Amino acid sequence: MSARGAVVVVWGVGGIIAFVLLALVRIIPIGFSAYQHSFTTAQWALLWTWVPAMMWAEGYRGFHQSFSPMVAARAKYLAGNPKPLHLLLAPLFCLGFIHATPARRRATTVLTVGIAVLVFLVRMLEQPWRGIIDLGVVMGLSIGLASMGVWTVRAFTQDGFDWSPDVPEGGQGGVEVGALDVQYRDAPVRPPRHRRHEHR
């Protein structure tokens, strides 16, 4: 990995990871405080269905099969096609808020708004209901963090990594070969690939 690639990983991907870690630090105590209450049968049933469901839906389907490889692909693209503003806003670039296809920007915006609404609604719940919901979120985000690390390593170390970075067509493309950056114009942008069976 080149020095520029290292900067993108540390600032771009690392910034996203730091934000998720901050969220985890805030909700983990709330989640585990649910155990200070006596659970009803319905609450135990919710706990044992909600947590595995979030591990699968948020952690595996949401992060591992979609969000994490997208972040890694955009980080790799940014390392090969640096622009001062994009580097400065690397976390937002890797999330897909800037220099992204309209579909990617919409998806990222909808996801962000959805999370904000969910957080607002969960705060209205009383314990242990709120804690149970938060425990599921904690497990999903934990799997997501691990997945983001795995996909980032793959993106910068495997030649066969070809996940679409969802950048506008007609832009400048680039791939890294050792310490060299090979640039080319009007590079075809592959369509988004949301499932990679070989990485399951």
N, C-alpha and C. Protein backbone atom coordinates (compact mmCIF):
# COMPACT_ATOMS: atom_id res chain seq x y z
N MET A 1 0.84 -1.19 0.00
CA MET A 1 0.00 0.00 0.00
C MET A 1 0.87 1.24 0.00
N SER A 2 0.54 2.20 -0.85
CA SER A 2 1.29 3.44 -0.91
C SER A 2 0.98 4.30 0.32
N ALA A 3 1.80 5.35 0.50
CA ALA A 3 1.57 6.27 1.62
C ALA A 3 0.21 6.94 1.48
N ARG A 4 -0.16 7.27 0.25
CA ARG A 4 -1.45 7.90 0.01
C ARG A 4 -2.59 6.97 0.36
N GLY A 5 -2.42 5.68 0.01
CA GLY A 5 -3.44 4.71 0.37
C GLY A 5 -3.58 4.57 1.88
N ALA A 6 -2.45 4.63 2.58
CA ALA A 6 -2.49 4.53 4.04
C ALA A 6 -3.24 5.71 4.65
N VAL A 7 -3.03 6.89 4.08
CA VAL A 7 -3.73 8.08 4.58
C VAL A 7 -5.24 7.93 4.38
N VAL A 8 -5.64 7.44 3.21
CA VAL A 8 -7.06 7.25 2.93
C VAL A 8 -7.68 6.25 3.89
N VAL A 9 -6.96 5.17 4.15
CA VAL A 9 -7.48 4.15 5.06
C VAL A 9 -7.61 4.71 6.48
N VAL A 10 -6.56 5.38 6.94
CA VAL A 10 -6.57 5.88 8.32
C VAL A 10 -7.62 6.97 8.50
N TRP A 11 -7.70 7.92 7.56
CA TRP A 11 -8.62 9.04 7.71
C TRP A 11 -10.01 8.69 7.20
N GLY A 12 -10.09 8.11 6.01
CA GLY A 12 -11.40 7.82 5.43
C GLY A 12 -12.12 6.69 6.13
N VAL A 13 -11.56 5.49 6.06
CA VAL A 13 -12.19 4.33 6.69
C VAL A 13 -12.10 4.43 8.21
N GLY A 14 -10.94 4.89 8.70
CA GLY A 14 -10.78 5.03 10.14
C GLY A 14 -11.75 6.01 10.74
N GLY A 15 -12.08 7.08 10.01
CA GLY A 15 -13.05 8.05 10.50
C GLY A 15 -14.42 7.43 10.66
N ILE A 16 -14.81 6.60 9.70
CA ILE A 16 -16.11 5.92 9.79
C ILE A 16 -16.12 4.94 10.96
N ILE A 17 -15.04 4.18 11.10
CA ILE A 17 -14.94 3.22 12.21
C ILE A 17 -14.99 3.94 13.55
N ALA A 18 -14.30 5.08 13.65
CA ALA A 18 -14.31 5.84 14.90
C ALA A 18 -15.72 6.32 15.24
N PHE A 19 -16.47 6.74 14.22
CA PHE A 19 -17.84 7.20 14.44
C PHE A 19 -18.72 6.06 14.96
N VAL A 20 -18.56 4.87 14.36
CA VAL A 20 -19.35 3.71 14.80
C VAL A 20 -18.94 3.30 16.21
N LEU A 21 -17.65 3.33 16.50
CA LEU A 21 -17.18 3.00 17.84
C LEU A 21 -17.75 3.96 18.87
N LEU A 22 -17.82 5.24 18.52
CA LEU A 22 -18.40 6.22 19.43
C LEU A 22 -19.86 5.89 19.74
N ALA A 23 -20.58 5.47 18.70
CA ALA A 23 -21.98 5.08 18.90
C ALA A 23 -22.07 3.85 19.80
N LEU A 24 -21.17 2.90 19.60
CA LEU A 24 -21.17 1.70 20.43
C LEU A 24 -20.90 2.03 21.90
N VAL A 25 -19.94 2.91 22.13
CA VAL A 25 -19.60 3.29 23.50
C VAL A 25 -20.82 3.90 24.21
N ARG A 26 -21.65 4.58 23.45
CA ARG A 26 -22.81 5.24 24.05
C ARG A 26 -23.95 4.27 24.31
N ILE A 27 -24.15 3.27 23.44
CA ILE A 27 -25.33 2.42 23.59
C ILE A 27 -25.06 1.10 24.31
N ILE A 28 -23.79 0.67 24.40
CA ILE A 28 -23.50 -0.58 25.11
C ILE A 28 -23.97 -0.53 26.56
N PRO A 29 -23.66 0.53 27.33
CA PRO A 29 -24.15 0.56 28.72
C PRO A 29 -25.68 0.52 28.81
N ILE A 30 -26.35 1.18 27.87
CA ILE A 30 -27.81 1.18 27.87
C ILE A 30 -28.33 -0.22 27.59
N GLY A 31 -27.68 -0.90 26.65
CA GLY A 31 -28.11 -2.25 26.31
C GLY A 31 -27.99 -3.21 27.47
N PHE A 32 -26.84 -3.20 28.11
CA PHE A 32 -26.62 -4.16 29.20
C PHE A 32 -27.35 -3.77 30.48
N SER A 33 -27.76 -2.52 30.61
CA SER A 33 -28.54 -2.12 31.78
C SER A 33 -29.92 -2.75 31.77
N ALA A 34 -30.32 -3.29 30.61
CA ALA A 34 -31.62 -3.97 30.54
C ALA A 34 -31.66 -5.16 31.48
N TYR A 35 -30.50 -5.78 31.73
CA TYR A 35 -30.46 -6.96 32.60
C TYR A 35 -30.67 -6.61 34.06
N GLN A 36 -30.74 -5.34 34.39
CA GLN A 36 -31.06 -4.95 35.75
C GLN A 36 -32.56 -5.07 36.04
N HIS A 37 -33.33 -5.37 35.01
CA HIS A 37 -34.78 -5.52 35.14
C HIS A 37 -35.16 -6.99 34.98
N SER A 38 -36.29 -7.33 35.52
CA SER A 38 -36.80 -8.69 35.35
C SER A 38 -37.54 -8.77 34.02
N PHE A 39 -37.16 -9.74 33.20
CA PHE A 39 -37.76 -9.88 31.88
C PHE A 39 -39.06 -10.69 31.98
N THR A 40 -40.04 -10.27 31.20
CA THR A 40 -41.24 -11.07 31.01
C THR A 40 -40.97 -12.10 29.92
N THR A 41 -41.90 -12.99 29.73
CA THR A 41 -41.74 -13.99 28.66
C THR A 41 -41.63 -13.32 27.30
N ALA A 42 -42.43 -12.27 27.09
CA ALA A 42 -42.40 -11.56 25.81
C ALA A 42 -41.05 -10.88 25.60
N GLN A 43 -40.48 -10.35 26.66
CA GLN A 43 -39.20 -9.67 26.54
C GLN A 43 -38.06 -10.65 26.27
N TRP A 44 -38.11 -11.81 26.90
CA TRP A 44 -37.10 -12.85 26.60
C TRP A 44 -37.24 -13.31 25.15
N ALA A 45 -38.48 -13.46 24.70
CA ALA A 45 -38.71 -13.88 23.31
C ALA A 45 -38.16 -12.83 22.34
N LEU A 46 -38.38 -11.56 22.66
CA LEU A 46 -37.85 -10.50 21.80
C LEU A 46 -36.34 -10.51 21.78
N LEU A 47 -35.73 -10.70 22.94
CA LEU A 47 -34.27 -10.71 23.02
C LEU A 47 -33.68 -11.80 22.14
N TRP A 48 -34.23 -13.01 22.23
CA TRP A 48 -33.66 -14.15 21.52
C TRP A 48 -34.03 -14.20 20.05
N THR A 49 -34.92 -13.33 19.60
CA THR A 49 -35.21 -13.23 18.17
C THR A 49 -34.60 -11.97 17.57
N TRP A 50 -34.65 -10.85 18.31
CA TRP A 50 -34.16 -9.57 17.81
C TRP A 50 -32.65 -9.57 17.62
N VAL A 51 -31.91 -10.06 18.61
CA VAL A 51 -30.44 -10.01 18.53
C VAL A 51 -29.92 -10.84 17.34
N PRO A 52 -30.32 -12.12 17.20
CA PRO A 52 -29.85 -12.86 16.01
C PRO A 52 -30.32 -12.22 14.70
N ALA A 53 -31.53 -11.66 14.71
CA ALA A 53 -32.03 -11.02 13.49
C ALA A 53 -31.16 -9.83 13.10
N MET A 54 -30.74 -9.04 14.07
CA MET A 54 -29.89 -7.89 13.78
C MET A 54 -28.48 -8.32 13.37
N MET A 55 -27.99 -9.39 13.94
CA MET A 55 -26.68 -9.91 13.54
C MET A 55 -26.70 -10.30 12.07
N TRP A 56 -27.81 -10.89 11.64
CA TRP A 56 -27.93 -11.32 10.24
C TRP A 56 -28.27 -10.15 9.32
N ALA A 57 -29.32 -9.39 9.68
CA ALA A 57 -29.80 -8.33 8.79
C ALA A 57 -28.86 -7.14 8.74
N GLU A 58 -28.45 -6.63 9.91
CA GLU A 58 -27.58 -5.46 9.95
C GLU A 58 -26.12 -5.83 9.74
N GLY A 59 -25.66 -6.84 10.49
CA GLY A 59 -24.25 -7.18 10.43
C GLY A 59 -23.83 -7.86 9.14
N TYR A 60 -24.57 -8.92 8.76
CA TYR A 60 -24.17 -9.70 7.58
C TYR A 60 -24.71 -9.12 6.28
N ARG A 61 -26.06 -8.97 6.20
CA ARG A 61 -26.65 -8.48 4.96
C ARG A 61 -26.34 -6.99 4.73
N GLY A 62 -26.51 -6.18 5.76
CA GLY A 62 -26.33 -4.75 5.59
C GLY A 62 -24.89 -4.32 5.43
N PHE A 63 -24.03 -4.78 6.36
CA PHE A 63 -22.63 -4.39 6.32
C PHE A 63 -21.81 -5.28 5.39
N HIS A 64 -21.76 -6.57 5.69
CA HIS A 64 -20.81 -7.44 5.00
C HIS A 64 -21.11 -7.60 3.52
N GLN A 65 -22.38 -7.61 3.16
CA GLN A 65 -22.72 -7.84 1.76
C GLN A 65 -22.97 -6.56 0.96
N SER A 66 -22.94 -5.41 1.61
CA SER A 66 -23.24 -4.18 0.87
C SER A 66 -22.41 -2.99 1.32
N PHE A 67 -22.61 -2.53 2.55
CA PHE A 67 -22.00 -1.28 2.99
C PHE A 67 -20.48 -1.38 3.11
N SER A 68 -19.98 -2.42 3.75
CA SER A 68 -18.53 -2.53 3.97
C SER A 68 -17.74 -2.63 2.67
N PRO A 69 -18.12 -3.48 1.71
CA PRO A 69 -17.36 -3.52 0.45
C PRO A 69 -17.48 -2.21 -0.33
N MET A 70 -18.61 -1.51 -0.21
CA MET A 70 -18.74 -0.22 -0.89
C MET A 70 -17.76 0.80 -0.31
N VAL A 71 -17.66 0.85 1.02
CA VAL A 71 -16.72 1.76 1.67
C VAL A 71 -15.29 1.42 1.25
N ALA A 72 -14.96 0.14 1.26
CA ALA A 72 -13.61 -0.28 0.88
C ALA A 72 -13.31 0.07 -0.58
N ALA A 73 -14.29 -0.13 -1.46
CA ALA A 73 -14.09 0.17 -2.88
C ALA A 73 -13.88 1.67 -3.09
N ARG A 74 -14.63 2.49 -2.39
CA ARG A 74 -14.48 3.94 -2.54
C ARG A 74 -13.16 4.42 -1.94
N ALA A 75 -12.72 3.77 -0.86
CA ALA A 75 -11.42 4.12 -0.29
C ALA A 75 -10.30 3.80 -1.27
N LYS A 76 -10.39 2.65 -1.92
CA LYS A 76 -9.37 2.27 -2.90
C LYS A 76 -9.40 3.22 -4.10
N TYR A 77 -10.60 3.57 -4.54
CA TYR A 77 -10.71 4.51 -5.65
C TYR A 77 -10.08 5.86 -5.29
N LEU A 78 -10.36 6.35 -4.09
CA LEU A 78 -9.82 7.64 -3.65
C LEU A 78 -8.30 7.60 -3.57
N ALA A 79 -7.75 6.47 -3.12
CA ALA A 79 -6.29 6.35 -3.05
C ALA A 79 -5.66 6.43 -4.43
N GLY A 80 -6.35 5.93 -5.45
CA GLY A 80 -5.81 5.97 -6.81
C GLY A 80 -6.18 7.23 -7.57
N ASN A 81 -7.17 7.97 -7.08
CA ASN A 81 -7.64 9.18 -7.76
C ASN A 81 -7.82 10.31 -6.75
N PRO A 82 -6.74 10.77 -6.16
CA PRO A 82 -6.87 11.77 -5.08
C PRO A 82 -7.15 13.17 -5.60
N LYS A 83 -8.03 13.83 -4.93
CA LYS A 83 -8.26 15.26 -5.13
C LYS A 83 -8.25 15.91 -3.74
N PRO A 84 -7.69 17.10 -3.62
CA PRO A 84 -7.57 17.71 -2.28
C PRO A 84 -8.86 17.72 -1.48
N LEU A 85 -9.97 18.15 -2.10
CA LEU A 85 -11.23 18.22 -1.36
C LEU A 85 -11.72 16.84 -0.96
N HIS A 86 -11.57 15.87 -1.87
CA HIS A 86 -12.00 14.51 -1.56
C HIS A 86 -11.16 13.90 -0.43
N LEU A 87 -9.87 14.19 -0.43
CA LEU A 87 -9.02 13.69 0.65
C LEU A 87 -9.38 14.35 1.98
N LEU A 88 -9.66 15.64 1.93
CA LEU A 88 -10.04 16.36 3.15
C LEU A 88 -11.34 15.80 3.73
N LEU A 89 -12.26 15.45 2.85
CA LEU A 89 -13.56 14.91 3.28
C LEU A 89 -13.63 13.41 3.05
N ALA A 90 -12.52 12.74 3.26
CA ALA A 90 -12.43 11.30 2.96
C ALA A 90 -13.52 10.46 3.63
N PRO A 91 -13.86 10.68 4.90
CA PRO A 91 -14.94 9.87 5.49
C PRO A 91 -16.26 10.03 4.74
N LEU A 92 -16.60 11.28 4.38
CA LEU A 92 -17.84 11.51 3.63
C LEU A 92 -17.74 10.91 2.23
N PHE A 93 -16.54 10.97 1.63
CA PHE A 93 -16.34 10.36 0.31
C PHE A 93 -16.56 8.85 0.39
N CYS A 94 -15.94 8.21 1.38
CA CYS A 94 -16.06 6.76 1.51
C CYS A 94 -17.49 6.33 1.81
N LEU A 95 -18.25 7.19 2.49
CA LEU A 95 -19.65 6.88 2.78
C LEU A 95 -20.54 7.02 1.56
N GLY A 96 -20.09 7.78 0.56
CA GLY A 96 -20.88 7.96 -0.65
C GLY A 96 -21.70 9.23 -0.68
N PHE A 97 -21.36 10.21 0.15
CA PHE A 97 -22.08 11.47 0.15
C PHE A 97 -21.60 12.40 -0.97
N ILE A 98 -20.33 12.29 -1.37
CA ILE A 98 -19.79 13.17 -2.40
C ILE A 98 -19.13 12.35 -3.49
N HIS A 99 -19.11 12.90 -4.72
CA HIS A 99 -18.55 12.23 -5.91
C HIS A 99 -19.05 10.79 -6.00
N ALA A 100 -20.37 10.65 -5.97
CA ALA A 100 -20.99 9.34 -6.06
C ALA A 100 -22.14 9.39 -7.06
N THR A 101 -22.56 8.24 -7.52
CA THR A 101 -23.69 8.19 -8.42
C THR A 101 -24.95 8.64 -7.68
N PRO A 102 -25.95 9.14 -8.40
CA PRO A 102 -27.20 9.55 -7.73
C PRO A 102 -27.81 8.43 -6.90
N ALA A 103 -27.74 7.20 -7.39
CA ALA A 103 -28.30 6.07 -6.65
C ALA A 103 -27.56 5.86 -5.34
N ARG A 104 -26.23 6.00 -5.37
CA ARG A 104 -25.45 5.81 -4.15
C ARG A 104 -25.74 6.92 -3.15
N ARG A 105 -25.83 8.17 -3.63
CA ARG A 105 -26.13 9.28 -2.72
C ARG A 105 -27.51 9.11 -2.09
N ARG A 106 -28.48 8.67 -2.90
CA ARG A 106 -29.82 8.45 -2.35
C ARG A 106 -29.80 7.35 -1.30
N ALA A 107 -29.11 6.25 -1.61
CA ALA A 107 -29.06 5.13 -0.67
C ALA A 107 -28.40 5.54 0.64
N THR A 108 -27.30 6.29 0.54
CA THR A 108 -26.61 6.73 1.75
C THR A 108 -27.47 7.70 2.55
N THR A 109 -28.16 8.61 1.86
CA THR A 109 -29.02 9.57 2.55
C THR A 109 -30.18 8.88 3.24
N VAL A 110 -30.83 7.95 2.53
CA VAL A 110 -31.95 7.21 3.13
C VAL A 110 -31.49 6.42 4.34
N LEU A 111 -30.32 5.79 4.24
CA LEU A 111 -29.78 5.03 5.36
C LEU A 111 -29.52 5.94 6.56
N THR A 112 -28.93 7.10 6.31
CA THR A 112 -28.63 8.03 7.40
C THR A 112 -29.89 8.53 8.07
N VAL A 113 -30.88 8.91 7.27
CA VAL A 113 -32.15 9.40 7.83
C VAL A 113 -32.85 8.28 8.59
N GLY A 114 -32.81 7.07 8.04
CA GLY A 114 -33.45 5.94 8.71
C GLY A 114 -32.84 5.66 10.06
N ILE A 115 -31.52 5.73 10.14
CA ILE A 115 -30.84 5.50 11.42
C ILE A 115 -31.22 6.57 12.42
N ALA A 116 -31.27 7.83 11.97
CA ALA A 116 -31.63 8.93 12.86
C ALA A 116 -33.05 8.76 13.41
N VAL A 117 -33.97 8.36 12.55
CA VAL A 117 -35.35 8.14 12.99
C VAL A 117 -35.43 6.99 13.97
N LEU A 118 -34.69 5.90 13.69
CA LEU A 118 -34.68 4.74 14.58
C LEU A 118 -34.15 5.12 15.95
N VAL A 119 -33.06 5.89 15.98
CA VAL A 119 -32.48 6.31 17.25
C VAL A 119 -33.49 7.14 18.04
N PHE A 120 -34.20 8.04 17.36
CA PHE A 120 -35.19 8.88 18.02
C PHE A 120 -36.31 8.03 18.62
N LEU A 121 -36.79 7.05 17.85
CA LEU A 121 -37.90 6.22 18.33
C LEU A 121 -37.47 5.32 19.48
N VAL A 122 -36.25 4.76 19.40
CA VAL A 122 -35.78 3.86 20.46
C VAL A 122 -35.63 4.62 21.76
N ARG A 123 -35.24 5.88 21.70
CA ARG A 123 -35.08 6.67 22.92
C ARG A 123 -36.39 6.85 23.67
N MET A 124 -37.50 6.67 22.98
CA MET A 124 -38.81 6.83 23.61
C MET A 124 -39.24 5.59 24.37
N LEU A 125 -38.54 4.48 24.17
CA LEU A 125 -38.88 3.23 24.85
C LEU A 125 -38.36 3.23 26.27
N GLU A 126 -39.02 2.49 27.13
CA GLU A 126 -38.58 2.30 28.50
C GLU A 126 -37.78 1.01 28.60
N GLN A 127 -36.98 0.91 29.65
CA GLN A 127 -36.26 -0.33 29.90
C GLN A 127 -37.23 -1.39 30.41
N PRO A 128 -37.00 -2.68 30.10
CA PRO A 128 -35.82 -3.20 29.37
C PRO A 128 -36.00 -3.23 27.86
N TRP A 129 -37.12 -2.69 27.35
CA TRP A 129 -37.35 -2.75 25.91
C TRP A 129 -36.25 -2.02 25.13
N ARG A 130 -35.89 -0.84 25.62
CA ARG A 130 -34.85 -0.08 24.93
C ARG A 130 -33.52 -0.83 24.95
N GLY A 131 -33.19 -1.41 26.08
CA GLY A 131 -31.94 -2.14 26.18
C GLY A 131 -31.89 -3.34 25.24
N ILE A 132 -33.02 -4.03 25.11
CA ILE A 132 -33.07 -5.19 24.22
C ILE A 132 -32.82 -4.76 22.77
N ILE A 133 -33.48 -3.68 22.36
CA ILE A 133 -33.27 -3.17 21.01
C ILE A 133 -31.81 -2.77 20.81
N ASP A 134 -31.24 -2.08 21.81
CA ASP A 134 -29.86 -1.62 21.70
C ASP A 134 -28.87 -2.78 21.65
N LEU A 135 -29.17 -3.88 22.34
CA LEU A 135 -28.28 -5.04 22.30
C LEU A 135 -28.21 -5.62 20.89
N GLY A 136 -29.33 -5.63 20.20
CA GLY A 136 -29.32 -6.09 18.81
C GLY A 136 -28.50 -5.18 17.92
N VAL A 137 -28.64 -3.88 18.14
CA VAL A 137 -27.87 -2.91 17.36
C VAL A 137 -26.38 -3.07 17.64
N VAL A 138 -26.03 -3.29 18.91
CA VAL A 138 -24.62 -3.46 19.28
C VAL A 138 -24.02 -4.66 18.56
N MET A 139 -24.73 -5.77 18.52
CA MET A 139 -24.19 -6.96 17.86
C MET A 139 -24.07 -6.74 16.36
N GLY A 140 -25.06 -6.08 15.77
CA GLY A 140 -25.00 -5.82 14.33
C GLY A 140 -23.85 -4.89 13.97
N LEU A 141 -23.67 -3.83 14.74
CA LEU A 141 -22.58 -2.90 14.47
C LEU A 141 -21.21 -3.54 14.71
N SER A 142 -21.11 -4.40 15.70
CA SER A 142 -19.84 -5.08 15.98
C SER A 142 -19.42 -5.95 14.80
N ILE A 143 -20.37 -6.69 14.26
CA ILE A 143 -20.08 -7.50 13.07
C ILE A 143 -19.73 -6.58 11.90
N GLY A 144 -20.42 -5.45 11.81
CA GLY A 144 -20.15 -4.51 10.73
C GLY A 144 -18.75 -3.94 10.79
N LEU A 145 -18.28 -3.62 12.00
CA LEU A 145 -16.92 -3.10 12.14
C LEU A 145 -15.89 -4.12 11.70
N ALA A 146 -16.07 -5.37 12.13
CA ALA A 146 -15.14 -6.42 11.72
C ALA A 146 -15.18 -6.61 10.21
N SER A 147 -16.38 -6.56 9.64
CA SER A 147 -16.53 -6.71 8.20
C SER A 147 -15.83 -5.59 7.44
N MET A 148 -15.94 -4.36 7.95
CA MET A 148 -15.31 -3.23 7.28
C MET A 148 -13.80 -3.39 7.26
N GLY A 149 -13.24 -3.89 8.34
CA GLY A 149 -11.81 -4.12 8.37
C GLY A 149 -11.38 -5.18 7.38
N VAL A 150 -12.15 -6.27 7.31
CA VAL A 150 -11.83 -7.37 6.39
C VAL A 150 -11.90 -6.89 4.94
N TRP A 151 -12.97 -6.17 4.58
CA TRP A 151 -13.12 -5.71 3.20
C TRP A 151 -12.06 -4.68 2.83
N THR A 152 -11.67 -3.85 3.78
CA THR A 152 -10.63 -2.86 3.47
C THR A 152 -9.30 -3.54 3.18
N VAL A 153 -8.97 -4.56 3.97
CA VAL A 153 -7.74 -5.31 3.72
C VAL A 153 -7.80 -5.98 2.35
N ARG A 154 -8.94 -6.56 2.02
CA ARG A 154 -9.10 -7.20 0.70
C ARG A 154 -8.92 -6.18 -0.43
N ALA A 155 -9.52 -5.02 -0.26
CA ALA A 155 -9.48 -4.01 -1.32
C ALA A 155 -8.06 -3.58 -1.65
N PHE A 156 -7.21 -3.46 -0.64
CA PHE A 156 -5.86 -2.93 -0.85
C PHE A 156 -4.80 -4.02 -0.99
N THR A 157 -5.18 -5.28 -0.87
CA THR A 157 -4.19 -6.35 -0.97
C THR A 157 -4.50 -7.38 -2.06
N GLN A 158 -5.76 -7.46 -2.51
CA GLN A 158 -6.13 -8.47 -3.49
C GLN A 158 -6.33 -7.84 -4.86
N ASP A 159 -5.66 -8.39 -5.86
CA ASP A 159 -5.79 -7.88 -7.22
C ASP A 159 -7.19 -8.11 -7.78
N GLY A 160 -7.86 -9.14 -7.30
CA GLY A 160 -9.17 -9.48 -7.85
C GLY A 160 -10.32 -8.69 -7.24
N PHE A 161 -10.03 -7.74 -6.38
CA PHE A 161 -11.10 -6.95 -5.77
C PHE A 161 -11.70 -6.02 -6.83
N ASP A 162 -12.98 -6.21 -7.16
CA ASP A 162 -13.57 -5.43 -8.26
C ASP A 162 -14.93 -4.87 -7.90
N TRP A 163 -15.18 -4.63 -6.63
CA TRP A 163 -16.46 -4.05 -6.23
C TRP A 163 -16.55 -2.62 -6.75
N SER A 164 -17.72 -2.25 -7.25
CA SER A 164 -17.90 -0.92 -7.82
C SER A 164 -17.80 0.16 -6.74
N PRO A 165 -17.03 1.24 -7.01
CA PRO A 165 -16.98 2.36 -6.06
C PRO A 165 -18.15 3.32 -6.20
N ASP A 166 -19.04 3.06 -7.17
CA ASP A 166 -20.23 3.90 -7.38
C ASP A 166 -19.86 5.37 -7.60
N VAL A 167 -18.90 5.61 -8.47
CA VAL A 167 -18.53 6.98 -8.82
C VAL A 167 -19.18 7.34 -10.16
N PRO A 168 -19.37 8.63 -10.43
CA PRO A 168 -19.99 9.04 -11.70
C PRO A 168 -19.17 8.55 -12.89
N GLU A 169 -19.84 8.12 -13.94
CA GLU A 169 -19.14 7.67 -15.14
C GLU A 169 -18.47 8.85 -15.83
N GLY A 170 -17.38 8.53 -16.55
CA GLY A 170 -16.66 9.57 -17.26
C GLY A 170 -15.62 10.25 -16.41
N GLY A 171 -15.47 9.80 -15.16
CA GLY A 171 -14.45 10.38 -14.30
C GLY A 171 -13.13 9.72 -14.54
N GLN A 172 -12.18 10.06 -13.73
CA GLN A 172 -10.85 9.49 -13.87
C GLN A 172 -10.75 8.26 -13.00
N GLY A 173 -10.26 7.18 -13.57
CA GLY A 173 -10.10 5.96 -12.81
C GLY A 173 -8.66 5.70 -12.51
N GLY A 174 -8.42 4.66 -11.75
CA GLY A 174 -7.04 4.36 -11.42
C GLY A 174 -6.92 3.12 -10.59
N VAL A 175 -5.82 2.42 -10.74
CA VAL A 175 -5.54 1.26 -9.91
C VAL A 175 -4.13 1.39 -9.40
N GLU A 176 -3.86 0.80 -8.25
CA GLU A 176 -2.53 0.83 -7.69
C GLU A 176 -1.79 -0.45 -8.03
N VAL A 177 -0.58 -0.31 -8.46
CA VAL A 177 0.29 -1.46 -8.72
C VAL A 177 1.56 -1.22 -7.92
N GLY A 178 1.63 -1.87 -6.77
CA GLY A 178 2.74 -1.63 -5.88
C GLY A 178 2.71 -0.19 -5.42
N ALA A 179 3.82 0.54 -5.62
CA ALA A 179 3.88 1.94 -5.20
C ALA A 179 3.51 2.88 -6.33
N LEU A 180 3.15 2.32 -7.49
CA LEU A 180 2.85 3.16 -8.65
C LEU A 180 1.35 3.31 -8.79
N ASP A 181 0.91 4.45 -9.27
CA ASP A 181 -0.49 4.69 -9.56
C ASP A 181 -0.63 4.76 -11.07
N VAL A 182 -1.39 3.85 -11.64
CA VAL A 182 -1.62 3.83 -13.07
C VAL A 182 -2.96 4.51 -13.31
N GLN A 183 -2.94 5.67 -13.97
CA GLN A 183 -4.14 6.45 -14.19
C GLN A 183 -4.65 6.23 -15.61
N TYR A 184 -5.95 6.32 -15.76
CA TYR A 184 -6.54 6.24 -17.08
C TYR A 184 -7.85 7.03 -17.05
N ARG A 185 -8.19 7.57 -18.22
CA ARG A 185 -9.40 8.38 -18.30
C ARG A 185 -10.54 7.59 -18.94
N ASP A 186 -11.74 8.06 -18.60
CA ASP A 186 -12.95 7.43 -19.13
C ASP A 186 -12.96 5.94 -18.84
N ALA A 187 -12.53 5.60 -17.64
CA ALA A 187 -12.52 4.19 -17.27
C ALA A 187 -13.94 3.70 -17.06
N PRO A 188 -14.28 2.54 -17.58
CA PRO A 188 -15.64 2.03 -17.36
C PRO A 188 -15.85 1.72 -15.89
N VAL A 189 -16.98 2.15 -15.39
CA VAL A 189 -17.32 1.87 -14.00
C VAL A 189 -18.24 0.67 -13.97
N ARG A 190 -17.83 -0.36 -13.28
CA ARG A 190 -18.64 -1.56 -13.24
C ARG A 190 -19.91 -1.30 -12.45
N PRO A 191 -20.99 -1.97 -12.82
CA PRO A 191 -22.25 -1.78 -12.09
C PRO A 191 -22.09 -2.30 -10.67
N PRO A 192 -22.88 -1.76 -9.73
CA PRO A 192 -22.77 -2.21 -8.34
C PRO A 192 -23.00 -3.70 -8.22
N ARG A 193 -22.21 -4.32 -7.38
CA ARG A 193 -22.37 -5.75 -7.12
C ARG A 193 -22.70 -5.89 -5.65
N HIS A 194 -23.92 -6.29 -5.38
CA HIS A 194 -24.37 -6.30 -4.00
C HIS A 194 -24.22 -7.66 -3.34
N ARG A 195 -23.87 -8.66 -4.13
CA ARG A 195 -23.68 -9.98 -3.53
C ARG A 195 -22.43 -10.60 -4.12
N ARG A 196 -21.59 -11.08 -3.26
CA ARG A 196 -20.37 -11.76 -3.70
C ARG A 196 -20.35 -13.13 -3.07
N HIS A 197 -20.90 -14.10 -3.79
CA HIS A 197 -21.07 -15.44 -3.22
C HIS A 197 -19.73 -16.05 -2.80
N GLU A 198 -18.67 -15.70 -3.53
CA GLU A 198 -17.41 -16.34 -3.25
C GLU A 198 -16.80 -15.88 -1.93
N HIS A 199 -17.31 -14.73 -1.35
CA HIS A 199 -16.74 -14.24 -0.10
C HIS A 199 -17.58 -14.63 1.09
N ARG A 200 -18.62 -15.38 0.88
CA ARG A 200 -19.44 -15.75 2.01
C ARG A 200 -18.70 -16.76 2.90
